Amino acid sequence: MFKFFRNVASEMRKVSWPSRKELTRYTITVITTVVVFALFFTVIDLGISELMRVLIDSK
């Protein structure tokens, strides 16, 4: 078990961590992408809901 944690620590030292500037840029990119997709799916959902309402009311 100790060997496992030693290996984990060894591998973690090899990791290339992003700089603060890169991390900020990546975070902004992810948040922007999530917001754009959320808005897109909201519009699609509202459109489908309205279409269903029109089809049900026309009967």
N, C-alpha and C. Protein backbone atom coordinates (compact mmCIF):
# COMPACT_ATOMS: atom_id res chain seq x y z
N MET A 1 0.83 -1.19 0.00
CA MET A 1 0.00 0.00 0.00
C MET A 1 0.88 1.26 0.00
N PHE A 2 1.95 1.25 0.77
CA PHE A 2 2.85 2.41 0.79
C PHE A 2 3.53 2.60 -0.56
N LYS A 3 3.82 1.50 -1.23
CA LYS A 3 4.44 1.57 -2.55
C LYS A 3 3.49 2.25 -3.54
N PHE A 4 2.20 1.94 -3.42
CA PHE A 4 1.21 2.57 -4.29
C PHE A 4 1.23 4.09 -4.12
N PHE A 5 1.20 4.57 -2.88
CA PHE A 5 1.18 6.01 -2.64
C PHE A 5 2.50 6.67 -3.05
N ARG A 6 3.60 5.94 -2.89
CA ARG A 6 4.89 6.47 -3.38
C ARG A 6 4.86 6.63 -4.89
N ASN A 7 4.27 5.64 -5.58
CA ASN A 7 4.15 5.72 -7.04
C ASN A 7 3.22 6.86 -7.46
N VAL A 8 2.15 7.05 -6.72
CA VAL A 8 1.23 8.16 -7.01
C VAL A 8 1.96 9.48 -6.87
N ALA A 9 2.70 9.65 -5.79
CA ALA A 9 3.45 10.89 -5.57
C ALA A 9 4.48 11.10 -6.68
N SER A 10 5.13 10.04 -7.09
CA SER A 10 6.12 10.13 -8.16
C SER A 10 5.46 10.58 -9.47
N GLU A 11 4.32 10.01 -9.78
CA GLU A 11 3.62 10.38 -11.02
C GLU A 11 3.09 11.82 -10.95
N MET A 12 2.64 12.24 -9.77
CA MET A 12 2.12 13.60 -9.63
C MET A 12 3.22 14.64 -9.85
N ARG A 13 4.45 14.31 -9.52
CA ARG A 13 5.56 15.23 -9.76
C ARG A 13 5.84 15.38 -11.25
N LYS A 14 5.43 14.41 -12.05
CA LYS A 14 5.65 14.45 -13.50
C LYS A 14 4.57 15.24 -14.24
N VAL A 15 3.48 15.53 -13.55
CA VAL A 15 2.35 16.22 -14.18
C VAL A 15 2.74 17.65 -14.54
N SER A 16 2.32 18.06 -15.72
CA SER A 16 2.55 19.44 -16.16
C SER A 16 1.31 20.26 -15.78
N TRP A 17 1.42 21.04 -14.71
CA TRP A 17 0.29 21.81 -14.22
C TRP A 17 0.16 23.10 -15.01
N PRO A 18 -1.08 23.55 -15.30
CA PRO A 18 -1.26 24.80 -16.05
C PRO A 18 -0.87 26.01 -15.19
N SER A 19 -0.43 27.06 -15.88
CA SER A 19 -0.14 28.30 -15.17
C SER A 19 -1.46 28.96 -14.77
N ARG A 20 -1.36 29.98 -13.93
CA ARG A 20 -2.57 30.68 -13.48
C ARG A 20 -3.31 31.29 -14.67
N LYS A 21 -2.56 31.84 -15.63
CA LYS A 21 -3.16 32.45 -16.81
C LYS A 21 -3.88 31.39 -17.66
N GLU A 22 -3.25 30.25 -17.87
CA GLU A 22 -3.86 29.17 -18.63
C GLU A 22 -5.11 28.65 -17.93
N LEU A 23 -5.02 28.47 -16.63
CA LEU A 23 -6.16 27.97 -15.86
C LEU A 23 -7.34 28.93 -15.96
N THR A 24 -7.07 30.22 -15.87
CA THR A 24 -8.14 31.22 -16.00
C THR A 24 -8.77 31.14 -17.38
N ARG A 25 -7.94 31.05 -18.41
CA ARG A 25 -8.45 30.98 -19.79
C ARG A 25 -9.28 29.72 -19.99
N TYR A 26 -8.81 28.58 -19.49
CA TYR A 26 -9.55 27.33 -19.63
C TYR A 26 -10.87 27.38 -18.88
N THR A 27 -10.86 27.98 -17.70
CA THR A 27 -12.08 28.09 -16.90
C THR A 27 -13.11 28.95 -17.60
N ILE A 28 -12.68 30.08 -18.15
CA ILE A 28 -13.59 30.96 -18.88
C ILE A 28 -14.15 30.25 -20.11
N THR A 29 -13.31 29.49 -20.79
CA THR A 29 -13.76 28.75 -21.97
C THR A 29 -14.82 27.72 -21.60
N VAL A 30 -14.61 27.00 -20.52
CA VAL A 30 -15.56 25.97 -20.09
C VAL A 30 -16.88 26.61 -19.67
N ILE A 31 -16.82 27.67 -18.87
CA ILE A 31 -18.05 28.33 -18.41
C ILE A 31 -18.82 28.92 -19.59
N THR A 32 -18.12 29.54 -20.53
CA THR A 32 -18.77 30.11 -21.71
C THR A 32 -19.45 29.01 -22.53
N THR A 33 -18.75 27.90 -22.71
CA THR A 33 -19.32 26.78 -23.47
C THR A 33 -20.57 26.23 -22.80
N VAL A 34 -20.53 26.08 -21.49
CA VAL A 34 -21.68 25.57 -20.74
C VAL A 34 -22.86 26.52 -20.87
N VAL A 35 -22.62 27.82 -20.75
CA VAL A 35 -23.70 28.80 -20.86
C VAL A 35 -24.31 28.79 -22.27
N VAL A 36 -23.47 28.73 -23.29
CA VAL A 36 -23.96 28.71 -24.68
C VAL A 36 -24.83 27.47 -24.91
N PHE A 37 -24.35 26.30 -24.47
CA PHE A 37 -25.14 25.08 -24.65
C PHE A 37 -26.43 25.13 -23.84
N ALA A 38 -26.39 25.68 -22.64
CA ALA A 38 -27.60 25.79 -21.82
C ALA A 38 -28.63 26.68 -22.50
N LEU A 39 -28.18 27.81 -23.04
CA LEU A 39 -29.10 28.70 -23.77
C LEU A 39 -29.66 28.02 -25.01
N PHE A 40 -28.79 27.32 -25.74
CA PHE A 40 -29.22 26.62 -26.94
C PHE A 40 -30.31 25.60 -26.61
N PHE A 41 -30.08 24.77 -25.61
CA PHE A 41 -31.05 23.74 -25.27
C PHE A 41 -32.32 24.33 -24.65
N THR A 42 -32.20 25.47 -23.99
CA THR A 42 -33.38 26.15 -23.46
C THR A 42 -34.27 26.62 -24.60
N VAL A 43 -33.66 27.22 -25.61
CA VAL A 43 -34.41 27.69 -26.78
C VAL A 43 -35.07 26.52 -27.51
N ILE A 44 -34.32 25.44 -27.69
CA ILE A 44 -34.87 24.25 -28.35
C ILE A 44 -36.04 23.69 -27.54
N ASP A 45 -35.88 23.60 -26.23
CA ASP A 45 -36.94 23.08 -25.36
C ASP A 45 -38.18 23.96 -25.43
N LEU A 46 -37.99 25.26 -25.37
CA LEU A 46 -39.15 26.17 -25.46
C LEU A 46 -39.83 26.04 -26.82
N GLY A 47 -39.05 25.89 -27.87
CA GLY A 47 -39.62 25.74 -29.21
C GLY A 47 -40.43 24.46 -29.33
N ILE A 48 -39.90 23.36 -28.84
CA ILE A 48 -40.63 22.09 -28.90
C ILE A 48 -41.88 22.16 -28.02
N SER A 49 -41.78 22.78 -26.85
CA SER A 49 -42.95 22.93 -25.97
C SER A 49 -44.05 23.73 -26.64
N GLU A 50 -43.66 24.81 -27.29
CA GLU A 50 -44.64 25.65 -27.98
C GLU A 50 -45.26 24.89 -29.15
N LEU A 51 -44.46 24.15 -29.88
CA LEU A 51 -44.97 23.35 -31.01
C LEU A 51 -45.96 22.32 -30.50
N MET A 52 -45.65 21.65 -29.40
CA MET A 52 -46.57 20.66 -28.84
C MET A 52 -47.86 21.34 -28.38
N ARG A 53 -47.75 22.51 -27.79
CA ARG A 53 -48.94 23.24 -27.33
C ARG A 53 -49.83 23.59 -28.52
N VAL A 54 -49.23 24.05 -29.61
CA VAL A 54 -50.00 24.41 -30.81
C VAL A 54 -50.66 23.17 -31.40
N LEU A 55 -49.93 22.05 -31.47
CA LEU A 55 -50.50 20.84 -32.04
C LEU A 55 -51.63 20.29 -31.18
N ILE A 56 -51.50 20.36 -29.86
CA ILE A 56 -52.54 19.83 -28.98
C ILE A 56 -53.75 20.74 -29.00
N ASP A 57 -53.55 22.07 -29.04
CA ASP A 57 -54.68 23.00 -29.04
C ASP A 57 -55.45 22.99 -30.36
N SER A 58 -54.81 22.57 -31.44
CA SER A 58 -55.47 22.60 -32.75
C SER A 58 -56.44 21.43 -32.91
N LYS A 59 -56.41 20.45 -32.03
CA LYS A 59 -57.30 19.27 -32.16
C LYS A 59 -58.64 19.52 -31.60
